[in-house]
Every structure is written in structure tokens, then in C-alpha cells.
Amino acid sequence: ALADLPDGMVMQVECDGTPVALARIGDRVFAIGDTCSHAEVSLSEGEIDVEECALECWRHGSLFSLETGEALTMPAVRPVPVYSVRIDGADVVMDS
């Protein structure tokens, strides 16, 4: 439910056994792969950079775009997957 994801927060969910980081900025929700492409740690343990619309990896500080999955800063260079997500009333729904 959208109420379970406060503005400016990120949480891990699983979709078909795959860890996904759900992030909320205002009335927008994003879903990206929850594993850093550099350090292979959980991105959902990091923090959202609202100005960059990105998620920061807690291990080495790489930023990943919440819109494209692109690695915006080093040391990560490979993108992470992006998933389609929408708000349906009070629910957050990931489209497969």
C-alpha cells in the first residue's frame, strides 16, 4: 500500500523472487533492481537523492537513476533494471 512507503523513503519488496527497491518522491513511486551493480549490496538500504531523482548505494556512494536505472556516479558503471510501477488508488502495483 502507498501508505506503507512514506515520501522520501525506500523499501525492499520481492517480485517473482527478485529483490526490488521501491522508492517514493512526493506522489511518484519508482521501482529499480535492489542489487548494486558494483558492490552487490542492497540499494534499498541507501538514501534517496531527491534533486537527482536517484538512489545512493550505502557502500560506496554510487547514484542510480530511479527513472532509468543508469549508474550516475562512480564506482558503479553498469545500470540496474527498472520496473514499471503505478499507483492504483491506495495501492502500489508493479506491472510485469
N, C-alpha and C. Protein backbone atom coordinates (compact mmCIF):
# COMPACT_ATOMS: atom_id res chain seq x y z
N ALA A 1 0.84 -1.19 0.00
CA ALA A 1 0.00 0.00 0.00
C ALA A 1 0.88 1.25 0.00
N LEU A 2 0.40 2.29 -0.64
CA LEU A 2 1.14 3.54 -0.72
C LEU A 2 1.45 4.10 0.66
N ALA A 3 0.54 3.90 1.61
CA ALA A 3 0.74 4.41 2.97
C ALA A 3 1.93 3.75 3.66
N ASP A 4 2.34 2.57 3.19
CA ASP A 4 3.49 1.87 3.78
C ASP A 4 4.83 2.42 3.29
N LEU A 5 4.79 3.33 2.32
CA LEU A 5 6.00 3.89 1.74
C LEU A 5 5.96 5.42 1.86
N PRO A 6 6.45 5.95 2.99
CA PRO A 6 6.41 7.41 3.20
C PRO A 6 7.25 8.16 2.15
N ASP A 7 6.90 9.39 1.90
CA ASP A 7 7.63 10.25 0.97
C ASP A 7 9.10 10.32 1.37
N GLY A 8 9.98 10.15 0.39
CA GLY A 8 11.42 10.24 0.64
C GLY A 8 12.04 8.96 1.17
N MET A 9 11.26 7.88 1.19
CA MET A 9 11.76 6.62 1.74
C MET A 9 11.88 5.56 0.65
N VAL A 10 12.63 4.52 0.97
CA VAL A 10 12.81 3.39 0.07
C VAL A 10 12.65 2.11 0.87
N MET A 11 12.10 1.08 0.23
CA MET A 11 11.93 -0.21 0.90
C MET A 11 12.14 -1.34 -0.11
N GLN A 12 12.51 -2.51 0.40
CA GLN A 12 12.69 -3.67 -0.46
C GLN A 12 11.41 -4.48 -0.52
N VAL A 13 11.05 -4.90 -1.73
CA VAL A 13 9.96 -5.85 -1.95
C VAL A 13 10.51 -6.93 -2.87
N GLU A 14 9.77 -8.03 -2.99
CA GLU A 14 10.17 -9.07 -3.92
C GLU A 14 9.11 -9.22 -4.99
N CYS A 15 9.56 -9.37 -6.22
CA CYS A 15 8.66 -9.60 -7.35
C CYS A 15 9.15 -10.85 -8.06
N ASP A 16 8.38 -11.92 -7.98
CA ASP A 16 8.77 -13.21 -8.56
C ASP A 16 10.16 -13.64 -8.09
N GLY A 17 10.45 -13.42 -6.80
CA GLY A 17 11.72 -13.84 -6.22
C GLY A 17 12.87 -12.89 -6.45
N THR A 18 12.63 -11.79 -7.16
CA THR A 18 13.68 -10.80 -7.44
C THR A 18 13.56 -9.63 -6.47
N PRO A 19 14.64 -9.26 -5.77
CA PRO A 19 14.58 -8.10 -4.88
C PRO A 19 14.48 -6.80 -5.68
N VAL A 20 13.52 -5.97 -5.29
CA VAL A 20 13.26 -4.70 -5.97
C VAL A 20 13.24 -3.59 -4.92
N ALA A 21 13.86 -2.46 -5.23
CA ALA A 21 13.82 -1.29 -4.35
C ALA A 21 12.68 -0.39 -4.82
N LEU A 22 11.70 -0.18 -3.94
CA LEU A 22 10.61 0.76 -4.21
C LEU A 22 10.95 2.07 -3.52
N ALA A 23 10.90 3.16 -4.27
CA ALA A 23 11.25 4.47 -3.72
C ALA A 23 10.13 5.46 -4.03
N ARG A 24 9.88 6.36 -3.08
CA ARG A 24 8.83 7.35 -3.26
C ARG A 24 9.39 8.76 -3.14
N ILE A 25 9.06 9.58 -4.13
CA ILE A 25 9.37 11.01 -4.10
C ILE A 25 8.05 11.73 -4.38
N GLY A 26 7.48 12.33 -3.35
CA GLY A 26 6.19 13.01 -3.50
C GLY A 26 5.11 12.02 -3.89
N ASP A 27 4.44 12.30 -5.01
CA ASP A 27 3.37 11.40 -5.45
C ASP A 27 3.85 10.43 -6.52
N ARG A 28 5.19 10.31 -6.68
CA ARG A 28 5.76 9.37 -7.66
C ARG A 28 6.43 8.21 -6.93
N VAL A 29 6.24 7.01 -7.49
CA VAL A 29 6.88 5.80 -6.96
C VAL A 29 7.71 5.18 -8.07
N PHE A 30 8.91 4.73 -7.72
CA PHE A 30 9.84 4.14 -8.67
C PHE A 30 10.21 2.74 -8.20
N ALA A 31 10.55 1.87 -9.15
CA ALA A 31 10.99 0.51 -8.82
C ALA A 31 12.23 0.19 -9.65
N ILE A 32 13.34 -0.10 -8.95
CA ILE A 32 14.58 -0.49 -9.63
C ILE A 32 15.13 -1.74 -8.95
N GLY A 33 16.01 -2.43 -9.65
CA GLY A 33 16.66 -3.59 -9.06
C GLY A 33 17.34 -3.21 -7.76
N ASP A 34 17.22 -4.06 -6.76
CA ASP A 34 17.70 -3.72 -5.42
C ASP A 34 19.15 -4.13 -5.17
N THR A 35 19.85 -4.58 -6.21
CA THR A 35 21.24 -5.01 -6.02
C THR A 35 22.17 -4.08 -6.78
N CYS A 36 23.09 -3.45 -6.07
CA CYS A 36 24.07 -2.55 -6.68
C CYS A 36 24.88 -3.31 -7.73
N SER A 37 25.03 -2.71 -8.91
CA SER A 37 25.77 -3.37 -9.99
C SER A 37 27.28 -3.36 -9.75
N HIS A 38 27.73 -2.64 -8.74
CA HIS A 38 29.16 -2.59 -8.41
C HIS A 38 29.49 -3.46 -7.21
N ALA A 39 28.81 -3.22 -6.09
CA ALA A 39 29.18 -3.90 -4.84
C ALA A 39 28.25 -5.05 -4.47
N GLU A 40 27.17 -5.24 -5.25
CA GLU A 40 26.21 -6.32 -5.00
C GLU A 40 25.66 -6.29 -3.58
N VAL A 41 25.32 -5.08 -3.11
CA VAL A 41 24.65 -4.91 -1.82
C VAL A 41 23.26 -4.34 -2.09
N SER A 42 22.42 -4.35 -1.08
CA SER A 42 21.04 -3.91 -1.22
C SER A 42 20.95 -2.38 -1.33
N LEU A 43 20.44 -1.90 -2.46
CA LEU A 43 20.29 -0.46 -2.66
C LEU A 43 19.21 0.13 -1.76
N SER A 44 18.24 -0.69 -1.35
CA SER A 44 17.15 -0.18 -0.51
C SER A 44 17.64 0.23 0.88
N GLU A 45 18.88 -0.11 1.21
CA GLU A 45 19.45 0.34 2.48
C GLU A 45 20.10 1.71 2.35
N GLY A 46 20.11 2.25 1.12
CA GLY A 46 20.70 3.56 0.87
C GLY A 46 19.67 4.67 1.04
N GLU A 47 20.03 5.86 0.56
CA GLU A 47 19.16 7.03 0.70
C GLU A 47 18.80 7.59 -0.66
N ILE A 48 17.62 8.21 -0.73
CA ILE A 48 17.16 8.86 -1.95
C ILE A 48 17.80 10.24 -2.05
N ASP A 49 18.30 10.56 -3.24
CA ASP A 49 18.75 11.91 -3.57
C ASP A 49 17.62 12.53 -4.38
N VAL A 50 16.80 13.35 -3.73
CA VAL A 50 15.59 13.90 -4.36
C VAL A 50 15.95 14.77 -5.56
N GLU A 51 16.97 15.62 -5.43
CA GLU A 51 17.34 16.52 -6.53
C GLU A 51 17.76 15.76 -7.78
N GLU A 52 18.45 14.64 -7.61
CA GLU A 52 18.91 13.84 -8.75
C GLU A 52 17.89 12.78 -9.16
N CYS A 53 16.82 12.61 -8.38
CA CYS A 53 15.85 11.54 -8.60
C CYS A 53 16.61 10.21 -8.71
N ALA A 54 17.41 9.95 -7.68
CA ALA A 54 18.32 8.82 -7.70
C ALA A 54 18.39 8.17 -6.33
N LEU A 55 18.89 6.93 -6.32
CA LEU A 55 19.09 6.18 -5.09
C LEU A 55 20.59 5.99 -4.89
N GLU A 56 21.08 6.33 -3.70
CA GLU A 56 22.51 6.24 -3.41
C GLU A 56 22.82 4.92 -2.72
N CYS A 57 23.80 4.20 -3.25
CA CYS A 57 24.26 2.97 -2.62
C CYS A 57 25.01 3.32 -1.33
N TRP A 58 24.68 2.65 -0.26
CA TRP A 58 25.27 2.94 1.05
C TRP A 58 26.73 2.51 1.14
N ARG A 59 27.15 1.57 0.29
CA ARG A 59 28.51 1.02 0.41
C ARG A 59 29.58 1.98 -0.11
N HIS A 60 29.44 2.43 -1.37
CA HIS A 60 30.47 3.28 -1.96
C HIS A 60 29.94 4.60 -2.51
N GLY A 61 28.63 4.85 -2.37
CA GLY A 61 28.08 6.14 -2.75
C GLY A 61 27.66 6.30 -4.20
N SER A 62 27.66 5.23 -4.99
CA SER A 62 27.19 5.35 -6.36
C SER A 62 25.72 5.76 -6.38
N LEU A 63 25.37 6.63 -7.33
CA LEU A 63 23.98 7.04 -7.50
C LEU A 63 23.39 6.31 -8.70
N PHE A 64 22.17 5.80 -8.54
CA PHE A 64 21.45 5.15 -9.63
C PHE A 64 20.17 5.91 -9.90
N SER A 65 19.94 6.25 -11.18
CA SER A 65 18.72 6.96 -11.56
C SER A 65 17.50 6.10 -11.26
N LEU A 66 16.52 6.69 -10.58
CA LEU A 66 15.28 5.97 -10.31
C LEU A 66 14.41 5.87 -11.56
N GLU A 67 14.69 6.71 -12.55
CA GLU A 67 13.89 6.71 -13.78
C GLU A 67 14.45 5.75 -14.84
N THR A 68 15.78 5.64 -14.93
CA THR A 68 16.39 4.84 -15.99
C THR A 68 17.23 3.68 -15.49
N GLY A 69 17.59 3.67 -14.20
CA GLY A 69 18.49 2.66 -13.66
C GLY A 69 19.95 2.93 -13.93
N GLU A 70 20.24 3.98 -14.70
CA GLU A 70 21.61 4.32 -15.07
C GLU A 70 22.46 4.62 -13.84
N ALA A 71 23.71 4.14 -13.88
CA ALA A 71 24.68 4.49 -12.84
C ALA A 71 25.16 5.91 -13.13
N LEU A 72 24.82 6.85 -12.25
CA LEU A 72 25.13 8.26 -12.48
C LEU A 72 26.50 8.66 -11.97
N THR A 73 27.03 7.92 -10.98
CA THR A 73 28.34 8.24 -10.42
C THR A 73 29.14 6.97 -10.20
N MET A 74 30.44 7.12 -10.19
CA MET A 74 31.37 6.02 -9.94
C MET A 74 31.28 5.62 -8.46
N PRO A 75 31.68 4.44 -8.07
CA PRO A 75 32.41 3.49 -8.89
C PRO A 75 31.53 2.60 -9.77
N ALA A 76 30.22 2.62 -9.61
CA ALA A 76 29.35 1.80 -10.46
C ALA A 76 29.33 2.36 -11.88
N VAL A 77 29.34 1.47 -12.86
CA VAL A 77 29.25 1.90 -14.26
C VAL A 77 28.10 1.20 -15.00
N ARG A 78 27.64 0.07 -14.49
CA ARG A 78 26.55 -0.67 -15.14
C ARG A 78 25.21 -0.28 -14.53
N PRO A 79 24.17 -0.18 -15.36
CA PRO A 79 22.84 0.16 -14.84
C PRO A 79 22.22 -1.00 -14.06
N VAL A 80 21.17 -0.69 -13.34
CA VAL A 80 20.35 -1.71 -12.68
C VAL A 80 19.00 -1.73 -13.41
N PRO A 81 18.26 -2.84 -13.32
CA PRO A 81 16.97 -2.92 -14.00
C PRO A 81 15.96 -1.92 -13.43
N VAL A 82 15.05 -1.50 -14.30
CA VAL A 82 13.95 -0.62 -13.91
C VAL A 82 12.65 -1.37 -14.18
N TYR A 83 11.70 -1.24 -13.27
CA TYR A 83 10.42 -1.93 -13.40
C TYR A 83 9.29 -0.92 -13.48
N SER A 84 8.26 -1.28 -14.23
CA SER A 84 7.09 -0.43 -14.36
C SER A 84 6.25 -0.52 -13.10
N VAL A 85 5.90 0.63 -12.55
CA VAL A 85 5.12 0.67 -11.31
C VAL A 85 4.11 1.81 -11.42
N ARG A 86 2.94 1.61 -10.82
CA ARG A 86 1.91 2.65 -10.85
C ARG A 86 1.15 2.65 -9.54
N ILE A 87 0.49 3.77 -9.29
CA ILE A 87 -0.35 3.89 -8.10
C ILE A 87 -1.78 3.67 -8.54
N ASP A 88 -2.45 2.72 -7.89
CA ASP A 88 -3.84 2.39 -8.19
C ASP A 88 -4.64 2.60 -6.90
N GLY A 89 -5.21 3.78 -6.77
CA GLY A 89 -5.92 4.11 -5.53
C GLY A 89 -4.93 4.22 -4.40
N ALA A 90 -5.06 3.34 -3.40
CA ALA A 90 -4.16 3.34 -2.25
C ALA A 90 -3.04 2.31 -2.41
N ASP A 91 -3.00 1.62 -3.55
CA ASP A 91 -2.04 0.53 -3.75
C ASP A 91 -0.93 0.92 -4.73
N VAL A 92 0.23 0.32 -4.52
CA VAL A 92 1.34 0.42 -5.46
C VAL A 92 1.37 -0.90 -6.22
N VAL A 93 1.31 -0.83 -7.54
CA VAL A 93 1.22 -2.03 -8.37
C VAL A 93 2.40 -2.07 -9.33
N MET A 94 3.14 -3.19 -9.32
CA MET A 94 4.21 -3.39 -10.29
C MET A 94 3.63 -4.16 -11.46
N ASP A 95 3.85 -3.64 -12.67
CA ASP A 95 3.39 -4.32 -13.88
C ASP A 95 4.48 -5.27 -14.35
N SER A 96 4.07 -6.47 -14.75
CA SER A 96 5.08 -7.44 -15.21
C SER A 96 5.27 -7.36 -16.70
